[in-house]
Amino acid sequence: MRIFLTGASGYIGSAVLDALVRAGHQVTALVRDNEKAARVAARGAHPVVGNLSEPESFRAMADAQDGYIHTALESSANAVPVDRQAIDTLLAAARRPRTSNSLNAGPRFFIYTSGIWVVGPAPEAADESAPLNPVSLAEWRVEHERLVQDANGPQLRTAVVRPGVVYGGGEGIMADLFKMAWNGLVRVVGDGNNHWATVYDHDLADLYVK
């Protein structure tokens, strides 16, 4: 399949890219500069240099794809409107009629990467039917998730993925916790039951965006 991937050089997106290439899919990967373009090309993708905040920089390449996976998140104060704009642009591409020479006649798909913080505090095990009680940093994601879910139909299958605490390779929030423990000090808020309330020497919102 031909798949358009955002965030291909990011923490989650790079893992998705490797999985897609291993499965034999043709991946068009949106990246922000030539250095990242070279990295994703070496991993088997066709890079497109562009910016989520500038839809015209990738709109043409997003057309004629079989699937769309949106893992990127703009690391700026405009992250929320840029994410909404990217969703709108990619959904529009996904809804366009296929050309007569298309190799895949099945429905397209769109996968949106959200986050587990949309569910919020859950005293019991939660599944897809759990009511949403997002922490303040993730409140905006509820509307974006709904936009993607409402786009589901016979010709376009949509899904929302909510990763938990993603880590590995010495990076991620868990890696920061391990480093603090190694140094003999881990700070938490309250009794420590709220796992997202760990206090770092950085601003929590900045860590969330990154």
C-alpha atoms as a PDB file:
ATOM      1  CA  MET A   1       0.000   0.000   0.000  1.00  0.00           C
ATOM      2  CA  ARG A   2       0.967   3.628  -0.458  1.00  0.00           C
ATOM      3  CA  ILE A   3       0.969   5.329   2.937  1.00  0.00           C
ATOM      4  CA  PHE A   4       1.522   8.968   3.894  1.00  0.00           C
ATOM      5  CA  LEU A   5       3.198   9.336   7.287  1.00  0.00           C
ATOM      6  CA  THR A   6       3.741  12.476   9.344  1.00  0.00           C
ATOM      7  CA  GLY A   7       6.328  12.627  12.114  1.00  0.00           C
ATOM      8  CA  ALA A   8       8.464   9.953  10.440  1.00  0.00           C
ATOM      9  CA  SER A   9      11.626  11.141  12.190  1.00  0.00           C
ATOM     10  CA  GLY A  10       9.921  11.405  15.590  1.00  0.00           C
ATOM     11  CA  TYR A  11       9.875   8.958  18.457  1.00  0.00           C
ATOM     12  CA  ILE A  12       6.651   7.156  17.551  1.00  0.00           C
ATOM     13  CA  GLY A  13       6.708   7.914  13.838  1.00  0.00           C
ATOM     14  CA  SER A  14      10.147   6.407  13.284  1.00  0.00           C
ATOM     15  CA  ALA A  15       8.995   3.104  14.797  1.00  0.00           C
ATOM     16  CA  VAL A  16       5.869   3.199  12.605  1.00  0.00           C
ATOM     17  CA  LEU A  17       8.030   3.891   9.549  1.00  0.00           C
ATOM     18  CA  ASP A  18      10.255   0.887  10.202  1.00  0.00           C
ATOM     19  CA  ALA A  19       7.233  -1.386  10.680  1.00  0.00           C
ATOM     20  CA  LEU A  20       5.609  -0.201   7.450  1.00  0.00           C
ATOM     21  CA  VAL A  21       8.779  -0.649   5.410  1.00  0.00           C
ATOM     22  CA  ARG A  22       9.323  -4.148   6.836  1.00  0.00           C
ATOM     23  CA  ALA A  23       5.782  -5.015   5.754  1.00  0.00           C
ATOM     24  CA  GLY A  24       6.565  -3.940   2.187  1.00  0.00           C
ATOM     25  CA  HIS A  25       4.510  -0.742   2.028  1.00  0.00           C
ATOM     26  CA  GLN A  26       5.520   2.348   0.046  1.00  0.00           C
ATOM     27  CA  VAL A  27       5.859   5.168   2.564  1.00  0.00           C
ATOM     28  CA  THR A  28       5.835   8.869   1.762  1.00  0.00           C
ATOM     29  CA  ALA A  29       7.230  10.573   4.862  1.00  0.00           C
ATOM     30  CA  LEU A  30       6.776  14.225   5.791  1.00  0.00           C
ATOM     31  CA  VAL A  31       9.892  15.739   7.406  1.00  0.00           C
ATOM     32  CA  ARG A  32      10.963  19.289   8.189  1.00  0.00           C
ATOM     33  CA  ASP A  33      14.459  19.504   6.675  1.00  0.00           C
ATOM     34  CA  ASN A  34      16.953  17.833   4.374  1.00  0.00           C
ATOM     35  CA  GLU A  35      18.869  16.190   7.207  1.00  0.00           C
ATOM     36  CA  LYS A  36      15.754  14.356   8.389  1.00  0.00           C
ATOM     37  CA  ALA A  37      14.871  13.610   4.778  1.00  0.00           C
ATOM     38  CA  ALA A  38      18.181  11.801   4.364  1.00  0.00           C
ATOM     39  CA  ARG A  39      17.561   9.793   7.537  1.00  0.00           C
ATOM     40  CA  VAL A  40      14.102   8.559   6.534  1.00  0.00           C
ATOM     41  CA  ALA A  41      15.280   7.851   2.981  1.00  0.00           C
ATOM     42  CA  ALA A  42      17.999   5.609   4.408  1.00  0.00           C
ATOM     43  CA  ARG A  43      15.251   3.715   6.253  1.00  0.00           C
ATOM     44  CA  GLY A  44      13.336   3.059   3.042  1.00  0.00           C
ATOM     45  CA  ALA A  45      10.827   5.924   2.768  1.00  0.00           C
ATOM     46  CA  HIS A  46      10.290   8.593   0.147  1.00  0.00           C
ATOM     47  CA  PRO A  47      10.822  11.879   2.025  1.00  0.00           C
ATOM     48  CA  VAL A  48       8.846  15.069   1.480  1.00  0.00           C
ATOM     49  CA  VAL A  49      10.320  18.205   3.011  1.00  0.00           C
ATOM     50  CA  GLY A  50       7.515  20.356   4.364  1.00  0.00           C
ATOM     51  CA  ASN A  51       5.873  21.718   7.467  1.00  0.00           C
ATOM     52  CA  LEU A  52       2.602  20.828   9.188  1.00  0.00           C
ATOM     53  CA  SER A  53       1.844  24.528   9.551  1.00  0.00           C
ATOM     54  CA  GLU A  54       2.068  24.955   5.758  1.00  0.00           C
ATOM     55  CA  PRO A  55      -0.383  22.509   4.150  1.00  0.00           C
ATOM     56  CA  GLU A  56       0.607  23.547   0.643  1.00  0.00           C
ATOM     57  CA  SER A  57       4.079  22.141   1.325  1.00  0.00           C
ATOM     58  CA  PHE A  58       2.704  18.590   1.430  1.00  0.00           C
ATOM     59  CA  ARG A  59      -0.848  18.694   0.039  1.00  0.00           C
ATOM     60  CA  ALA A  60       0.100  17.442  -3.443  1.00  0.00           C
ATOM     61  CA  MET A  61       2.144  14.532  -2.117  1.00  0.00           C
ATOM     62  CA  ALA A  62      -0.658  13.553   0.258  1.00  0.00           C
ATOM     63  CA  ASP A  63      -2.998  12.933  -2.669  1.00  0.00           C
ATOM     64  CA  ALA A  64      -3.362   9.487  -4.243  1.00  0.00           C
ATOM     65  CA  GLN A  65      -2.278   7.595  -1.117  1.00  0.00           C
ATOM     66  CA  ASP A  66      -4.023   4.488   0.214  1.00  0.00           C
ATOM     67  CA  GLY A  67      -3.583   5.349   3.876  1.00  0.00           C
ATOM     68  CA  TYR A  68      -2.604   8.167   6.213  1.00  0.00           C
ATOM     69  CA  ILE A  69      -0.923   7.936   9.614  1.00  0.00           C
ATOM     70  CA  HIS A  70      -0.585  11.179  11.564  1.00  0.00           C
ATOM     71  CA  THR A  71       1.952  10.900  14.396  1.00  0.00           C
ATOM     72  CA  ALA A  72       3.497  14.389  14.262  1.00  0.00           C
ATOM     73  CA  LEU A  73       2.860  17.204  16.723  1.00  0.00           C
ATOM     74  CA  GLU A  74       4.124  20.728  16.152  1.00  0.00           C
ATOM     75  CA  SER A  75       6.402  21.689  19.067  1.00  0.00           C
ATOM     76  CA  SER A  76       5.295  25.302  19.331  1.00  0.00           C
ATOM     77  CA  ALA A  77       2.626  27.478  20.914  1.00  0.00           C
ATOM     78  CA  ASN A  78       0.528  26.857  17.781  1.00  0.00           C
ATOM     79  CA  ALA A  79       0.501  23.075  18.225  1.00  0.00           C
ATOM     80  CA  VAL A  80      -3.286  22.788  18.572  1.00  0.00           C
ATOM     81  CA  PRO A  81      -4.415  24.797  15.509  1.00  0.00           C
ATOM     82  CA  VAL A  82      -1.608  23.298  13.417  1.00  0.00           C
ATOM     83  CA  ASP A  83      -2.702  19.787  14.382  1.00  0.00           C
ATOM     84  CA  ARG A  84      -6.315  20.589  13.469  1.00  0.00           C
ATOM     85  CA  GLN A  85      -5.189  22.052  10.141  1.00  0.00           C
ATOM     86  CA  ALA A  86      -3.119  18.945   9.394  1.00  0.00           C
ATOM     87  CA  ILE A  87      -6.069  16.666  10.178  1.00  0.00           C
ATOM     88  CA  ASP A  88      -8.338  18.687   7.889  1.00  0.00           C
ATOM     89  CA  THR A  89      -5.776  18.595   5.071  1.00  0.00           C
ATOM     90  CA  LEU A  90      -5.125  14.867   5.318  1.00  0.00           C
ATOM     91  CA  LEU A  91      -8.799  13.955   5.664  1.00  0.00           C
ATOM     92  CA  ALA A  92      -9.559  16.015   2.566  1.00  0.00           C
ATOM     93  CA  ALA A  93      -6.884  14.091   0.663  1.00  0.00           C
ATOM     94  CA  ALA A  94      -8.235  10.795   1.965  1.00  0.00           C
ATOM     95  CA  ARG A  95     -11.750  11.630   0.773  1.00  0.00           C
ATOM     96  CA  ARG A  96     -10.774  12.516  -2.794  1.00  0.00           C
ATOM     97  CA  PRO A  97     -11.945   9.990  -5.423  1.00  0.00           C
ATOM     98  CA  ARG A  98      -9.340   7.538  -6.627  1.00  0.00           C
ATOM     99  CA  THR A  99      -7.924   7.902 -10.112  1.00  0.00           C
ATOM    100  CA  SER A 100      -8.865   5.369 -12.776  1.00  0.00           C
ATOM    101  CA  ASN A 101      -5.371   3.818 -12.716  1.00  0.00           C
ATOM    102  CA  SER A 102      -5.300   3.275  -8.948  1.00  0.00           C
ATOM    103  CA  LEU A 103      -3.855  -0.103  -7.943  1.00  0.00           C
ATOM    104  CA  ASN A 104      -5.924  -0.358  -4.755  1.00  0.00           C
ATOM    105  CA  ALA A 105      -9.701  -0.173  -5.001  1.00  0.00           C
ATOM    106  CA  GLY A 106     -10.429  -0.776  -1.320  1.00  0.00           C
ATOM    107  CA  PRO A 107     -11.318   1.886   1.246  1.00  0.00           C
ATOM    108  CA  ARG A 108      -8.602   4.228   2.439  1.00  0.00           C
ATOM    109  CA  PHE A 109      -7.649   4.556   6.104  1.00  0.00           C
ATOM    110  CA  PHE A 110      -6.642   7.374   8.441  1.00  0.00           C
ATOM    111  CA  ILE A 111      -4.954   6.758  11.808  1.00  0.00           C
ATOM    112  CA  TYR A 112      -4.563   9.593  14.298  1.00  0.00           C
ATOM    113  CA  THR A 113      -2.085   9.418  17.172  1.00  0.00           C
ATOM    114  CA  SER A 114      -3.573  10.917  20.332  1.00  0.00           C
ATOM    115  CA  GLY A 115      -2.529  10.115  23.915  1.00  0.00           C
ATOM    116  CA  ILE A 116      -3.713   8.214  26.968  1.00  0.00           C
ATOM    117  CA  TRP A 117      -4.033  11.471  28.921  1.00  0.00           C
ATOM    118  CA  VAL A 118      -7.326  12.006  27.072  1.00  0.00           C
ATOM    119  CA  VAL A 119      -8.838   9.282  29.251  1.00  0.00           C
ATOM    120  CA  GLY A 120      -7.588  10.965  32.417  1.00  0.00           C
ATOM    121  CA  PRO A 121      -7.693   9.477  35.924  1.00  0.00           C
ATOM    122  CA  ALA A 122      -9.194   5.985  35.801  1.00  0.00           C
ATOM    123  CA  PRO A 123      -9.624   4.118  39.108  1.00  0.00           C
ATOM    124  CA  GLU A 124     -10.334   0.915  37.157  1.00  0.00           C
ATOM    125  CA  ALA A 125      -9.097  -0.604  33.912  1.00  0.00           C
ATOM    126  CA  ALA A 126     -10.265   1.476  30.940  1.00  0.00           C
ATOM    127  CA  ASP A 127     -11.022   0.460  27.362  1.00  0.00           C
ATOM    128  CA  GLU A 128     -12.326   2.264  24.269  1.00  0.00           C
ATOM    129  CA  SER A 129     -15.750   2.734  25.875  1.00  0.00           C
ATOM    130  CA  ALA A 130     -14.392   4.548  28.964  1.00  0.00           C
ATOM    131  CA  PRO A 131     -15.740   8.089  29.431  1.00  0.00           C
ATOM    132  CA  LEU A 132     -13.196  10.783  28.683  1.00  0.00           C
ATOM    133  CA  ASN A 133     -11.912  12.883  31.555  1.00  0.00           C
ATOM    134  CA  PRO A 134      -8.818  14.493  30.033  1.00  0.00           C
ATOM    135  CA  VAL A 135      -6.154  16.268  32.041  1.00  0.00           C
ATOM    136  CA  SER A 136      -5.973  19.945  31.131  1.00  0.00           C
ATOM    137  CA  LEU A 137      -2.991  19.504  28.809  1.00  0.00           C
ATOM    138  CA  ALA A 138      -4.950  17.030  26.675  1.00  0.00           C
ATOM    139  CA  GLU A 139      -8.420  18.604  26.628  1.00  0.00           C
ATOM    140  CA  TRP A 140      -7.964  19.857  23.066  1.00  0.00           C
ATOM    141  CA  ARG A 141      -7.386  16.342  21.782  1.00  0.00           C
ATOM    142  CA  VAL A 142     -10.991  15.316  22.474  1.00  0.00           C
ATOM    143  CA  GLU A 143     -12.326  17.455  19.628  1.00  0.00           C
ATOM    144  CA  HIS A 144      -9.569  16.272  17.264  1.00  0.00           C
ATOM    145  CA  GLU A 145     -10.287  12.643  18.069  1.00  0.00           C
ATOM    146  CA  ARG A 146     -13.986  13.168  17.426  1.00  0.00           C
ATOM    147  CA  LEU A 147     -13.224  14.816  14.080  1.00  0.00           C
ATOM    148  CA  VAL A 148     -11.290  11.749  12.982  1.00  0.00           C
ATOM    149  CA  GLN A 149     -13.842   9.260  14.306  1.00  0.00           C
ATOM    150  CA  ASP A 150     -16.749  11.100  12.648  1.00  0.00           C
ATOM    151  CA  ALA A 151     -14.966  10.804   9.293  1.00  0.00           C
ATOM    152  CA  ASN A 152     -15.278   7.011   9.385  1.00  0.00           C
ATOM    153  CA  GLY A 153     -17.405   5.558   6.615  1.00  0.00           C
ATOM    154  CA  PRO A 154     -17.619   2.971   3.826  1.00  0.00           C
ATOM    155  CA  GLN A 155     -14.829   4.595   1.788  1.00  0.00           C
ATOM    156  CA  LEU A 156     -12.644   5.773   4.660  1.00  0.00           C
ATOM    157  CA  ARG A 157     -11.787   3.774   7.769  1.00  0.00           C
ATOM    158  CA  THR A 158     -10.523   5.882  10.649  1.00  0.00           C
ATOM    159  CA  ALA A 159      -8.990   5.041  14.007  1.00  0.00           C
ATOM    160  CA  VAL A 160      -7.501   6.846  16.995  1.00  0.00           C
ATOM    161  CA  VAL A 161      -4.510   5.390  18.823  1.00  0.00           C
ATOM    162  CA  ARG A 162      -3.747   6.555  22.366  1.00  0.00           C
ATOM    163  CA  PRO A 163      -0.198   5.592  23.337  1.00  0.00           C
ATOM    164  CA  GLY A 164       0.642   5.496  27.016  1.00  0.00           C
ATOM    165  CA  VAL A 165       4.124   6.341  28.251  1.00  0.00           C
ATOM    166  CA  VAL A 166       6.296   5.467  25.266  1.00  0.00           C
ATOM    167  CA  TYR A 167       9.962   4.857  25.921  1.00  0.00           C
ATOM    168  CA  GLY A 168      13.019   2.972  24.701  1.00  0.00           C
ATOM    169  CA  GLY A 169      16.488   3.614  23.358  1.00  0.00           C
ATOM    170  CA  GLY A 170      17.380   5.795  26.332  1.00  0.00           C
ATOM    171  CA  GLU A 171      14.705   8.383  25.480  1.00  0.00           C
ATOM    172  CA  GLY A 172      11.221   9.339  26.635  1.00  0.00           C
ATOM    173  CA  ILE A 173       9.691  10.204  29.992  1.00  0.00           C
ATOM    174  CA  MET A 174      10.581   6.832  31.507  1.00  0.00           C
ATOM    175  CA  ALA A 175      14.219   7.361  30.605  1.00  0.00           C
ATOM    176  CA  ASP A 176      14.121  10.671  32.501  1.00  0.00           C
ATOM    177  CA  LEU A 177      12.657   8.854  35.521  1.00  0.00           C
ATOM    178  CA  PHE A 178      15.381   6.221  35.385  1.00  0.00           C
ATOM    179  CA  LYS A 179      18.044   8.915  35.187  1.00  0.00           C
ATOM    180  CA  MET A 180      16.569  10.666  38.240  1.00  0.00           C
ATOM    181  CA  ALA A 181      16.428   7.397  40.161  1.00  0.00           C
ATOM    182  CA  TRP A 182      20.028   6.729  39.221  1.00  0.00           C
ATOM    183  CA  ASN A 183      20.924  10.133  40.680  1.00  0.00           C
ATOM    184  CA  GLY A 184      19.015   9.287  43.855  1.00  0.00           C
ATOM    185  CA  LEU A 185      16.050  11.685  43.559  1.00  0.00           C
ATOM    186  CA  VAL A 186      12.610  11.345  41.928  1.00  0.00           C
ATOM    187  CA  ARG A 187      10.048  14.062  42.656  1.00  0.00           C
ATOM    188  CA  VAL A 188       6.304  13.333  42.564  1.00  0.00           C
ATOM    189  CA  VAL A 189       3.157  15.315  43.374  1.00  0.00           C
ATOM    190  CA  GLY A 190       0.987  14.064  46.242  1.00  0.00           C
ATOM    191  CA  ASP A 191       1.200  10.372  47.120  1.00  0.00           C
ATOM    192  CA  GLY A 192       2.436   9.397  43.663  1.00  0.00           C
ATOM    193  CA  ASN A 193      -0.746   7.659  42.500  1.00  0.00           C
ATOM    194  CA  ASN A 194      -1.217  10.107  39.613  1.00  0.00           C
ATOM    195  CA  HIS A 195       1.538   8.829  37.351  1.00  0.00           C
ATOM    196  CA  TRP A 196       1.281  11.797  34.962  1.00  0.00           C
ATOM    197  CA  ALA A 197       1.943  14.275  37.768  1.00  0.00           C
ATOM    198  CA  THR A 198       5.636  13.502  38.072  1.00  0.00           C
ATOM    199  CA  VAL A 199       7.552  16.743  38.479  1.00  0.00           C
ATOM    200  CA  TYR A 200      10.646  17.300  36.372  1.00  0.00           C
ATOM    201  CA  ASP A 201      13.161  20.085  36.380  1.00  0.00           C
ATOM    202  CA  HIS A 202      11.551  21.122  33.078  1.00  0.00           C
ATOM    203  CA  ASP A 203       8.072  22.452  32.459  1.00  0.00           C
ATOM    204  CA  LEU A 204       5.627  19.537  32.183  1.00  0.00           C
ATOM    205  CA  ALA A 205       3.860  21.088  29.212  1.00  0.00           C
ATOM    206  CA  ASP A 206       7.131  21.303  27.295  1.00  0.00           C
ATOM    207  CA  LEU A 207       7.810  17.632  27.976  1.00  0.00           C
ATOM    208  CA  TYR A 208       4.331  16.740  26.751  1.00  0.00           C
ATOM    209  CA  VAL A 209       4.800  18.604  23.470  1.00  0.00           C
ATOM    210  CA  LYS A 210       8.191  17.036  22.835  1.00  0.00           C
END
